[in-house]
């Protein structure tokens, strides 16, 4: 699917603010893919569609998680996590994207997972550091991204976990597992 067609499909699903975020994620994902050797076209496509389900009703996302037998423990955690797996499913069903690597990059862009693929890492990080993001710690992660994809990811996941902990919110187990996997793979 060409960029213009994908952007047109996604624009109908998003607010103007979230569409601008998506454009930033797309440009950042393309740059990271080029820098670290990921498939640029797949990075572009996954970035464009990463928030496809962001504004779907919670009940719809919950039903997708149940009907598609996604990890049911997702439903115990903040609904902010739901748009990633629900989005991967909807992108396949509604936009006709069948590429498993692209769909997995969408599926895991909020929680991460152990043994993330290069494309999954690129999309997770692009979502975190795109130019429209402004929050404590983002500039440090942007700087790390110029040197090491894994070190930038470790810091991004750590920041997210600490943010949730400071707010006394539960942390989805895959986020901890992602952090541990990234740190342990640095020791290899």
N, C-alpha and C. Protein backbone atom coordinates (compact mmCIF):
# COMPACT_ATOMS: atom_id res chain seq x y z
N UNK A 1 0.85 -1.18 0.00
CA UNK A 1 0.00 0.00 0.00
C UNK A 1 0.90 1.25 0.00
N UNK A 2 0.55 2.19 -0.84
CA UNK A 2 1.34 3.42 -0.94
C UNK A 2 1.05 4.34 0.25
N UNK A 3 2.02 5.19 0.54
CA UNK A 3 1.92 6.08 1.70
C UNK A 3 0.65 6.92 1.69
N UNK A 4 0.34 7.55 0.56
CA UNK A 4 -0.82 8.45 0.50
C UNK A 4 -2.12 7.71 0.79
N UNK A 5 -2.25 6.52 0.26
CA UNK A 5 -3.46 5.72 0.51
C UNK A 5 -3.56 5.34 1.98
N UNK A 6 -2.44 4.90 2.56
CA UNK A 6 -2.43 4.52 3.98
C UNK A 6 -2.76 5.72 4.86
N UNK A 7 -2.18 6.86 4.58
CA UNK A 7 -2.45 8.06 5.38
C UNK A 7 -3.91 8.48 5.27
N UNK A 8 -4.49 8.34 4.09
CA UNK A 8 -5.91 8.69 3.91
C UNK A 8 -6.80 7.78 4.77
N UNK A 9 -6.50 6.50 4.78
CA UNK A 9 -7.27 5.54 5.59
C UNK A 9 -7.16 5.89 7.07
N UNK A 10 -5.95 6.17 7.51
CA UNK A 10 -5.70 6.43 8.93
C UNK A 10 -6.29 7.78 9.37
N UNK A 11 -6.19 8.77 8.52
CA UNK A 11 -6.68 10.12 8.87
C UNK A 11 -8.15 10.09 9.28
N UNK A 12 -8.93 9.21 8.65
CA UNK A 12 -10.36 9.10 8.96
C UNK A 12 -10.60 8.53 10.37
N UNK A 13 -9.59 7.87 10.94
CA UNK A 13 -9.74 7.22 12.24
C UNK A 13 -9.23 8.08 13.41
N UNK A 14 -8.53 9.17 13.11
CA UNK A 14 -7.80 9.90 14.14
C UNK A 14 -8.24 11.35 14.26
N UNK A 15 -7.99 11.94 15.43
CA UNK A 15 -8.14 13.39 15.59
C UNK A 15 -7.00 14.07 14.83
N UNK A 16 -7.12 15.37 14.59
CA UNK A 16 -6.05 16.10 13.90
C UNK A 16 -4.75 16.01 14.70
N UNK A 17 -4.84 16.15 16.01
CA UNK A 17 -3.64 16.08 16.86
C UNK A 17 -2.97 14.71 16.75
N UNK A 18 -3.76 13.64 16.79
CA UNK A 18 -3.19 12.29 16.71
C UNK A 18 -2.66 12.01 15.31
N UNK A 19 -3.27 12.60 14.30
CA UNK A 19 -2.76 12.44 12.94
C UNK A 19 -1.38 13.10 12.81
N UNK A 20 -1.21 14.27 13.41
CA UNK A 20 0.10 14.94 13.40
C UNK A 20 1.14 14.07 14.12
N UNK A 21 0.73 13.48 15.25
CA UNK A 21 1.61 12.54 15.96
C UNK A 21 2.00 11.39 15.03
N UNK A 22 1.05 10.85 14.30
CA UNK A 22 1.31 9.74 13.38
C UNK A 22 2.32 10.13 12.31
N UNK A 23 2.20 11.32 11.78
CA UNK A 23 3.17 11.79 10.79
C UNK A 23 4.57 11.86 11.40
N UNK A 24 4.65 12.32 12.65
CA UNK A 24 5.94 12.37 13.34
C UNK A 24 6.51 10.99 13.58
N UNK A 25 5.66 10.05 13.96
CA UNK A 25 6.11 8.67 14.17
C UNK A 25 6.60 8.08 12.84
N UNK A 26 5.88 8.36 11.76
CA UNK A 26 6.27 7.84 10.45
C UNK A 26 7.67 8.34 10.06
N UNK A 27 7.88 9.64 10.16
CA UNK A 27 9.19 10.20 9.78
C UNK A 27 10.30 9.65 10.69
N UNK A 28 10.02 9.54 11.98
CA UNK A 28 11.01 9.02 12.92
C UNK A 28 11.29 7.55 12.66
N UNK A 29 10.25 6.78 12.37
CA UNK A 29 10.43 5.35 12.09
C UNK A 29 11.26 5.14 10.83
N UNK A 30 11.02 5.95 9.81
CA UNK A 30 11.80 5.85 8.57
C UNK A 30 13.27 6.13 8.87
N UNK A 31 13.53 7.19 9.64
CA UNK A 31 14.92 7.54 9.97
C UNK A 31 15.59 6.44 10.79
N UNK A 32 14.87 5.91 11.80
CA UNK A 32 15.44 4.84 12.62
C UNK A 32 15.68 3.57 11.79
N UNK A 33 14.73 3.26 10.90
CA UNK A 33 14.88 2.07 10.05
C UNK A 33 16.12 2.20 9.18
N UNK A 34 16.32 3.37 8.60
CA UNK A 34 17.52 3.59 7.78
C UNK A 34 18.78 3.48 8.63
N UNK A 35 18.76 4.06 9.81
CA UNK A 35 19.93 4.06 10.68
C UNK A 35 20.31 2.65 11.15
N UNK A 36 19.30 1.85 11.49
CA UNK A 36 19.57 0.55 12.11
C UNK A 36 19.33 -0.65 11.19
N UNK A 37 18.98 -0.40 9.93
CA UNK A 37 18.90 -1.48 8.96
C UNK A 37 17.59 -2.25 8.94
N UNK A 38 16.52 -1.62 9.40
CA UNK A 38 15.20 -2.25 9.31
C UNK A 38 14.60 -1.96 7.94
N UNK A 39 13.58 -2.72 7.57
CA UNK A 39 12.88 -2.52 6.31
C UNK A 39 12.14 -1.18 6.37
N UNK A 40 12.54 -0.23 5.54
CA UNK A 40 12.00 1.12 5.60
C UNK A 40 10.51 1.15 5.24
N UNK A 41 10.12 0.40 4.23
CA UNK A 41 8.71 0.40 3.81
C UNK A 41 7.82 -0.20 4.90
N UNK A 42 8.28 -1.28 5.54
CA UNK A 42 7.49 -1.88 6.63
C UNK A 42 7.43 -0.93 7.82
N UNK A 43 8.53 -0.24 8.10
CA UNK A 43 8.53 0.73 9.20
C UNK A 43 7.54 1.86 8.92
N UNK A 44 7.54 2.34 7.69
CA UNK A 44 6.60 3.39 7.29
C UNK A 44 5.16 2.93 7.48
N UNK A 45 4.84 1.74 7.00
CA UNK A 45 3.47 1.22 7.08
C UNK A 45 3.05 1.00 8.53
N UNK A 46 3.89 0.37 9.33
CA UNK A 46 3.55 0.12 10.73
C UNK A 46 3.38 1.43 11.48
N UNK A 47 4.23 2.41 11.21
CA UNK A 47 4.13 3.70 11.88
C UNK A 47 2.82 4.41 11.52
N UNK A 48 2.46 4.37 10.25
CA UNK A 48 1.22 5.02 9.82
C UNK A 48 0.01 4.40 10.53
N UNK A 49 0.01 3.09 10.66
CA UNK A 49 -1.16 2.40 11.21
C UNK A 49 -1.08 2.14 12.72
N UNK A 50 0.00 2.56 13.40
CA UNK A 50 0.20 2.14 14.80
C UNK A 50 -0.93 2.56 15.73
N UNK A 51 -1.57 3.70 15.48
CA UNK A 51 -2.66 4.17 16.36
C UNK A 51 -4.02 4.07 15.69
N UNK A 52 -4.15 3.18 14.73
CA UNK A 52 -5.39 3.04 13.96
C UNK A 52 -6.63 2.89 14.86
N UNK A 53 -6.51 2.13 15.95
CA UNK A 53 -7.67 1.87 16.82
C UNK A 53 -7.72 2.77 18.05
N UNK A 54 -6.88 3.77 18.12
CA UNK A 54 -6.74 4.60 19.32
C UNK A 54 -8.06 5.17 19.81
N UNK A 55 -8.94 5.53 18.90
CA UNK A 55 -10.19 6.17 19.30
C UNK A 55 -11.42 5.29 19.10
N UNK A 56 -11.18 4.00 18.95
CA UNK A 56 -12.31 3.08 18.90
C UNK A 56 -12.92 2.97 20.30
N UNK A 57 -14.22 2.66 20.37
CA UNK A 57 -14.84 2.50 21.68
C UNK A 57 -14.16 1.38 22.48
N UNK A 58 -14.04 1.60 23.78
CA UNK A 58 -13.40 0.60 24.64
C UNK A 58 -14.12 -0.75 24.55
N UNK A 59 -15.43 -0.71 24.45
CA UNK A 59 -16.18 -1.97 24.35
C UNK A 59 -15.81 -2.75 23.09
N UNK A 60 -15.60 -2.04 21.99
CA UNK A 60 -15.21 -2.70 20.74
C UNK A 60 -13.83 -3.34 20.90
N UNK A 61 -12.89 -2.59 21.49
CA UNK A 61 -11.54 -3.13 21.67
C UNK A 61 -11.57 -4.33 22.62
N UNK A 62 -12.36 -4.23 23.67
CA UNK A 62 -12.48 -5.34 24.63
C UNK A 62 -13.02 -6.59 23.94
N UNK A 63 -14.02 -6.42 23.11
CA UNK A 63 -14.61 -7.57 22.39
C UNK A 63 -13.60 -8.21 21.44
N UNK A 64 -12.77 -7.39 20.80
CA UNK A 64 -11.74 -7.93 19.91
C UNK A 64 -10.74 -8.75 20.71
N UNK A 65 -10.32 -8.22 21.85
CA UNK A 65 -9.36 -8.94 22.70
C UNK A 65 -9.94 -10.28 23.13
N UNK A 66 -11.22 -10.29 23.49
CA UNK A 66 -11.88 -11.54 23.92
C UNK A 66 -12.06 -12.49 22.73
N UNK A 67 -12.64 -11.98 21.64
CA UNK A 67 -12.98 -12.87 20.51
C UNK A 67 -11.75 -13.42 19.80
N UNK A 68 -10.67 -12.65 19.77
CA UNK A 68 -9.45 -13.09 19.09
C UNK A 68 -8.50 -13.85 20.03
N UNK A 69 -8.97 -14.04 21.25
CA UNK A 69 -8.19 -14.79 22.24
C UNK A 69 -6.80 -14.19 22.46
N UNK A 70 -6.74 -12.84 22.44
CA UNK A 70 -5.52 -12.16 22.83
C UNK A 70 -5.35 -12.36 24.33
N UNK A 71 -4.18 -12.11 24.90
CA UNK A 71 -4.01 -12.33 26.34
C UNK A 71 -5.10 -11.62 27.15
N UNK A 72 -5.89 -12.40 27.85
CA UNK A 72 -7.03 -11.85 28.58
C UNK A 72 -6.59 -10.97 29.74
N UNK A 73 -5.36 -11.15 30.19
CA UNK A 73 -4.87 -10.32 31.29
C UNK A 73 -4.78 -8.85 30.87
N UNK A 74 -4.74 -8.58 29.57
CA UNK A 74 -4.77 -7.20 29.08
C UNK A 74 -5.96 -6.44 29.67
N UNK A 75 -7.06 -7.13 29.83
CA UNK A 75 -8.30 -6.48 30.29
C UNK A 75 -8.22 -6.03 31.74
N UNK A 76 -7.23 -6.52 32.48
CA UNK A 76 -7.05 -6.11 33.88
C UNK A 76 -6.23 -4.82 33.98
N UNK A 77 -5.61 -4.43 32.88
CA UNK A 77 -4.73 -3.27 32.87
C UNK A 77 -5.39 -2.11 32.14
N UNK A 78 -4.74 -0.96 32.19
CA UNK A 78 -5.30 0.26 31.62
C UNK A 78 -5.69 0.05 30.15
N UNK A 79 -6.84 0.57 29.81
CA UNK A 79 -7.36 0.40 28.45
C UNK A 79 -6.47 1.07 27.40
N UNK A 80 -5.55 1.92 27.82
CA UNK A 80 -4.59 2.54 26.89
C UNK A 80 -3.79 1.48 26.14
N UNK A 81 -3.61 0.31 26.75
CA UNK A 81 -2.86 -0.78 26.11
C UNK A 81 -3.66 -1.47 25.00
N UNK A 82 -4.96 -1.37 25.05
CA UNK A 82 -5.82 -2.18 24.20
C UNK A 82 -5.75 -1.81 22.72
N UNK A 83 -5.47 -0.53 22.42
CA UNK A 83 -5.53 -0.11 21.02
C UNK A 83 -4.43 -0.76 20.17
N UNK A 84 -3.38 -1.27 20.80
CA UNK A 84 -2.30 -1.89 20.02
C UNK A 84 -2.71 -3.25 19.47
N UNK A 85 -3.10 -4.21 20.32
CA UNK A 85 -3.54 -5.49 19.75
C UNK A 85 -4.83 -5.38 18.95
N UNK A 86 -5.77 -4.58 19.44
CA UNK A 86 -7.02 -4.39 18.68
C UNK A 86 -6.72 -3.73 17.35
N UNK A 87 -5.80 -2.79 17.35
CA UNK A 87 -5.42 -2.10 16.13
C UNK A 87 -4.80 -3.02 15.11
N UNK A 88 -3.92 -3.91 15.56
CA UNK A 88 -3.30 -4.86 14.63
C UNK A 88 -4.38 -5.71 13.95
N UNK A 89 -5.35 -6.15 14.73
CA UNK A 89 -6.45 -6.95 14.18
C UNK A 89 -7.27 -6.12 13.18
N UNK A 90 -7.63 -4.90 13.56
CA UNK A 90 -8.46 -4.06 12.69
C UNK A 90 -7.72 -3.63 11.42
N UNK A 91 -6.43 -3.38 11.53
CA UNK A 91 -5.64 -3.03 10.36
C UNK A 91 -5.65 -4.18 9.36
N UNK A 92 -5.55 -5.39 9.87
CA UNK A 92 -5.61 -6.55 8.97
C UNK A 92 -6.99 -6.69 8.34
N UNK A 93 -8.03 -6.58 9.17
CA UNK A 93 -9.39 -6.80 8.67
C UNK A 93 -9.91 -5.66 7.79
N UNK A 94 -9.63 -4.42 8.19
CA UNK A 94 -10.22 -3.27 7.50
C UNK A 94 -9.32 -2.65 6.43
N UNK A 95 -8.03 -2.66 6.67
CA UNK A 95 -7.10 -2.04 5.71
C UNK A 95 -6.42 -3.08 4.83
N UNK A 96 -6.60 -4.36 5.17
CA UNK A 96 -6.06 -5.42 4.34
C UNK A 96 -4.57 -5.64 4.45
N UNK A 97 -3.95 -5.12 5.50
CA UNK A 97 -2.51 -5.34 5.71
C UNK A 97 -2.33 -6.75 6.28
N UNK A 98 -1.57 -7.58 5.59
CA UNK A 98 -1.41 -8.98 6.00
C UNK A 98 -0.01 -9.30 6.51
N UNK A 99 0.92 -8.38 6.37
CA UNK A 99 2.32 -8.63 6.74
C UNK A 99 2.44 -8.81 8.26
N UNK A 100 2.83 -10.01 8.68
CA UNK A 100 2.89 -10.33 10.11
C UNK A 100 3.88 -9.43 10.85
N UNK A 101 4.99 -9.09 10.22
CA UNK A 101 5.97 -8.22 10.89
C UNK A 101 5.38 -6.84 11.16
N UNK A 102 4.67 -6.30 10.19
CA UNK A 102 4.02 -5.00 10.35
C UNK A 102 2.95 -5.08 11.44
N UNK A 103 2.13 -6.11 11.38
CA UNK A 103 1.06 -6.27 12.37
C UNK A 103 1.63 -6.45 13.78
N UNK A 104 2.71 -7.21 13.91
CA UNK A 104 3.32 -7.38 15.23
C UNK A 104 3.92 -6.08 15.75
N UNK A 105 4.48 -5.27 14.86
CA UNK A 105 5.02 -3.98 15.29
C UNK A 105 3.90 -3.09 15.83
N UNK A 106 2.73 -3.16 15.22
CA UNK A 106 1.56 -2.43 15.73
C UNK A 106 1.11 -3.04 17.05
N UNK A 107 1.02 -4.35 17.09
CA UNK A 107 0.52 -5.09 18.26
C UNK A 107 1.32 -4.80 19.53
N UNK A 108 2.64 -4.65 19.40
CA UNK A 108 3.50 -4.52 20.58
C UNK A 108 4.06 -3.12 20.79
N UNK A 109 3.50 -2.12 20.13
CA UNK A 109 4.09 -0.78 20.25
C UNK A 109 3.81 -0.09 21.58
N UNK A 110 2.88 -0.61 22.38
CA UNK A 110 2.63 -0.01 23.69
C UNK A 110 3.29 -0.77 24.82
N UNK A 111 3.32 -2.09 24.74
CA UNK A 111 3.83 -2.90 25.85
C UNK A 111 5.24 -3.40 25.61
N UNK A 112 5.64 -3.52 24.35
CA UNK A 112 6.86 -4.24 24.04
C UNK A 112 6.65 -5.71 24.31
N UNK A 113 7.71 -6.49 24.13
CA UNK A 113 7.69 -7.91 24.46
C UNK A 113 9.13 -8.41 24.45
N UNK A 114 9.38 -9.51 25.14
CA UNK A 114 10.74 -10.07 25.07
C UNK A 114 11.07 -10.49 23.64
N UNK A 115 12.34 -10.37 23.29
CA UNK A 115 12.83 -10.73 21.96
C UNK A 115 12.12 -9.96 20.84
N UNK A 116 11.97 -8.67 21.06
CA UNK A 116 11.36 -7.83 20.03
C UNK A 116 12.18 -7.90 18.75
N UNK A 117 11.50 -7.87 17.62
CA UNK A 117 12.19 -7.80 16.33
C UNK A 117 12.72 -6.39 16.13
N UNK A 118 13.60 -6.24 15.18
CA UNK A 118 14.14 -4.92 14.85
C UNK A 118 13.01 -3.95 14.49
N UNK A 119 12.06 -4.39 13.68
CA UNK A 119 10.94 -3.54 13.29
C UNK A 119 10.10 -3.14 14.50
N UNK A 120 9.84 -4.07 15.40
CA UNK A 120 9.07 -3.76 16.61
C UNK A 120 9.79 -2.71 17.45
N UNK A 121 11.11 -2.84 17.56
CA UNK A 121 11.89 -1.87 18.32
C UNK A 121 11.81 -0.49 17.69
N UNK A 122 11.92 -0.44 16.37
CA UNK A 122 11.86 0.83 15.65
C UNK A 122 10.53 1.53 15.89
N UNK A 123 9.43 0.80 15.81
CA UNK A 123 8.10 1.42 15.97
C UNK A 123 7.87 1.83 17.42
N UNK A 124 8.24 0.99 18.37
CA UNK A 124 8.10 1.35 19.78
C UNK A 124 8.85 2.66 20.05
N UNK A 125 10.10 2.72 19.61
CA UNK A 125 10.93 3.88 19.88
C UNK A 125 10.45 5.12 19.11
N UNK A 126 10.07 4.95 17.85
CA UNK A 126 9.58 6.08 17.06
C UNK A 126 8.35 6.70 17.71
N UNK A 127 7.47 5.87 18.22
CA UNK A 127 6.27 6.36 18.92
C UNK A 127 6.67 7.17 20.15
N UNK A 128 7.70 6.74 20.82
CA UNK A 128 8.15 7.38 22.06
C UNK A 128 8.86 8.71 21.80
N UNK A 129 9.70 8.79 20.76
CA UNK A 129 10.57 9.96 20.59
C UNK A 129 10.17 10.89 19.45
N UNK A 130 9.07 10.65 18.77
CA UNK A 130 8.73 11.52 17.63
C UNK A 130 8.75 12.99 18.09
N UNK A 131 9.03 13.91 17.14
CA UNK A 131 9.29 15.31 17.51
C UNK A 131 8.18 16.01 18.28
N UNK A 132 6.95 15.55 18.15
CA UNK A 132 5.84 16.19 18.86
C UNK A 132 5.73 15.81 20.33
N UNK A 133 6.53 14.87 20.77
CA UNK A 133 6.49 14.42 22.16
C UNK A 133 7.31 15.38 23.03
N UNK A 134 6.72 15.78 24.14
CA UNK A 134 7.39 16.67 25.09
C UNK A 134 7.04 16.21 26.50
N UNK A 135 7.96 15.51 27.14
CA UNK A 135 7.78 15.07 28.52
C UNK A 135 9.15 14.80 29.11
N UNK A 136 9.25 14.77 30.43
CA UNK A 136 10.56 14.55 31.06
C UNK A 136 11.20 13.24 30.59
N UNK A 137 12.45 13.32 30.18
CA UNK A 137 13.20 12.13 29.79
C UNK A 137 13.24 11.86 28.29
N UNK A 138 12.36 12.50 27.52
CA UNK A 138 12.30 12.18 26.09
C UNK A 138 13.57 12.63 25.36
N UNK A 139 14.14 13.76 25.76
CA UNK A 139 15.35 14.24 25.08
C UNK A 139 16.53 13.29 25.32
N UNK A 140 16.61 12.73 26.52
CA UNK A 140 17.66 11.75 26.82
C UNK A 140 17.52 10.52 25.91
N UNK A 141 16.29 10.06 25.72
CA UNK A 141 16.06 8.89 24.87
C UNK A 141 16.36 9.24 23.40
N UNK A 142 16.00 10.45 22.98
CA UNK A 142 16.33 10.87 21.61
C UNK A 142 17.84 10.84 21.39
N UNK A 143 18.59 11.34 22.37
CA UNK A 143 20.06 11.34 22.25
C UNK A 143 20.60 9.92 22.20
N UNK A 144 20.07 9.04 23.05
CA UNK A 144 20.51 7.64 23.04
C UNK A 144 20.19 6.96 21.71
N UNK A 145 19.07 7.33 21.10
CA UNK A 145 18.65 6.71 19.84
C UNK A 145 19.64 6.97 18.72
N UNK A 146 20.41 8.04 18.85
CA UNK A 146 21.43 8.33 17.83
C UNK A 146 22.63 7.40 17.95
N UNK A 147 22.79 6.78 19.13
CA UNK A 147 23.95 5.93 19.41
C UNK A 147 23.63 4.44 19.45
N UNK A 148 22.47 4.10 20.06
CA UNK A 148 22.14 2.69 20.27
C UNK A 148 20.63 2.51 20.38
N UNK A 149 20.10 1.70 19.49
CA UNK A 149 18.67 1.41 19.53
C UNK A 149 18.29 0.74 20.84
N UNK A 150 19.08 -0.25 21.26
CA UNK A 150 18.75 -0.98 22.49
C UNK A 150 18.87 -0.12 23.73
N UNK A 151 19.90 0.70 23.83
CA UNK A 151 20.04 1.56 25.00
C UNK A 151 18.91 2.59 25.06
N UNK A 152 18.50 3.10 23.91
CA UNK A 152 17.36 4.02 23.88
C UNK A 152 16.08 3.33 24.32
N UNK A 153 15.89 2.10 23.85
CA UNK A 153 14.71 1.34 24.25
C UNK A 153 14.71 1.05 25.74
N UNK A 154 15.85 0.65 26.27
CA UNK A 154 15.93 0.39 27.71
C UNK A 154 15.49 1.62 28.49
N UNK A 155 16.01 2.78 28.11
CA UNK A 155 15.65 4.00 28.83
C UNK A 155 14.17 4.35 28.64
N UNK A 156 13.63 4.16 27.44
CA UNK A 156 12.22 4.45 27.19
C UNK A 156 11.31 3.55 28.03
N UNK A 157 11.63 2.27 28.05
CA UNK A 157 10.81 1.33 28.84
C UNK A 157 10.94 1.65 30.33
N UNK A 158 12.16 1.93 30.76
CA UNK A 158 12.38 2.29 32.17
C UNK A 158 11.58 3.54 32.53
N UNK A 159 11.63 4.56 31.69
CA UNK A 159 10.88 5.79 31.95
C UNK A 159 9.38 5.51 32.06
N UNK A 160 8.88 4.67 31.18
CA UNK A 160 7.45 4.34 31.19
C UNK A 160 7.07 3.61 32.47
N UNK A 161 7.87 2.64 32.86
CA UNK A 161 7.59 1.88 34.09
C UNK A 161 7.63 2.81 35.30
N UNK A 162 8.65 3.66 35.38
CA UNK A 162 8.77 4.58 36.53
C UNK A 162 7.61 5.57 36.56
N UNK A 163 7.19 6.05 35.38
CA UNK A 163 6.05 6.97 35.29
C UNK A 163 4.79 6.32 35.88
N UNK A 164 4.53 5.08 35.47
CA UNK A 164 3.35 4.37 35.97
C UNK A 164 3.46 4.11 37.47
N UNK A 165 4.65 3.74 37.92
CA UNK A 165 4.84 3.46 39.35
C UNK A 165 4.63 4.73 40.19
N UNK A 166 5.12 5.86 39.70
CA UNK A 166 4.95 7.13 40.43
C UNK A 166 3.48 7.51 40.55
N UNK A 167 2.68 7.06 39.60
CA UNK A 167 1.24 7.34 39.63
C UNK A 167 0.46 6.22 40.33
N UNK A 168 1.19 5.27 40.92
CA UNK A 168 0.56 4.11 41.57
C UNK A 168 -0.36 3.34 40.63
N UNK A 169 0.07 3.23 39.37
CA UNK A 169 -0.69 2.46 38.39
C UNK A 169 0.02 1.13 38.14
N UNK A 170 -0.75 0.09 37.87
CA UNK A 170 -0.13 -1.20 37.60
C UNK A 170 0.65 -1.18 36.28
N UNK A 171 1.70 -1.98 36.23
CA UNK A 171 2.53 -2.07 35.03
C UNK A 171 2.27 -3.43 34.39
N UNK A 172 1.91 -3.41 33.12
CA UNK A 172 1.65 -4.64 32.39
C UNK A 172 2.90 -5.51 32.40
N UNK A 173 2.78 -6.80 32.73
CA UNK A 173 3.97 -7.66 32.88
C UNK A 173 4.90 -7.69 31.66
N UNK A 174 4.35 -7.59 30.45
CA UNK A 174 5.22 -7.61 29.27
C UNK A 174 6.17 -6.42 29.25
N UNK A 175 5.79 -5.31 29.88
CA UNK A 175 6.70 -4.16 29.93
C UNK A 175 7.92 -4.48 30.80
N UNK A 176 7.68 -5.11 31.94
CA UNK A 176 8.81 -5.56 32.78
C UNK A 176 9.65 -6.60 32.03
N UNK A 177 8.98 -7.53 31.37
CA UNK A 177 9.70 -8.58 30.64
C UNK A 177 10.52 -7.98 29.50
N UNK A 178 9.98 -6.95 28.86
CA UNK A 178 10.72 -6.27 27.78
C UNK A 178 11.97 -5.62 28.35
N UNK A 179 11.81 -4.91 29.44
CA UNK A 179 12.96 -4.26 30.08
C UNK A 179 14.03 -5.28 30.45
N UNK A 180 13.62 -6.34 31.13
CA UNK A 180 14.59 -7.37 31.54
C UNK A 180 15.28 -7.99 30.34
N UNK A 181 14.52 -8.30 29.31
CA UNK A 181 15.09 -8.93 28.12
C UNK A 181 16.12 -8.00 27.45
N UNK A 182 15.79 -6.72 27.35
CA UNK A 182 16.72 -5.77 26.73
C UNK A 182 17.99 -5.62 27.54
N UNK A 183 17.85 -5.51 28.86
CA UNK A 183 19.02 -5.35 29.74
C UNK A 183 19.88 -6.62 29.68
N UNK A 184 19.25 -7.77 29.74
CA UNK A 184 20.00 -9.03 29.74
C UNK A 184 20.67 -9.27 28.39
N UNK A 185 20.06 -8.82 27.30
CA UNK A 185 20.67 -9.02 25.99
C UNK A 185 21.89 -8.11 25.82
N UNK A 186 21.96 -7.01 26.57
CA UNK A 186 23.14 -6.15 26.53
C UNK A 186 24.35 -6.84 27.14
N UNK A 187 24.08 -7.80 28.05
CA UNK A 187 25.17 -8.49 28.75
C UNK A 187 25.76 -9.59 27.90
N UNK A 188 25.07 -10.03 26.86
CA UNK A 188 25.56 -11.13 26.02
C UNK A 188 26.83 -10.77 25.27
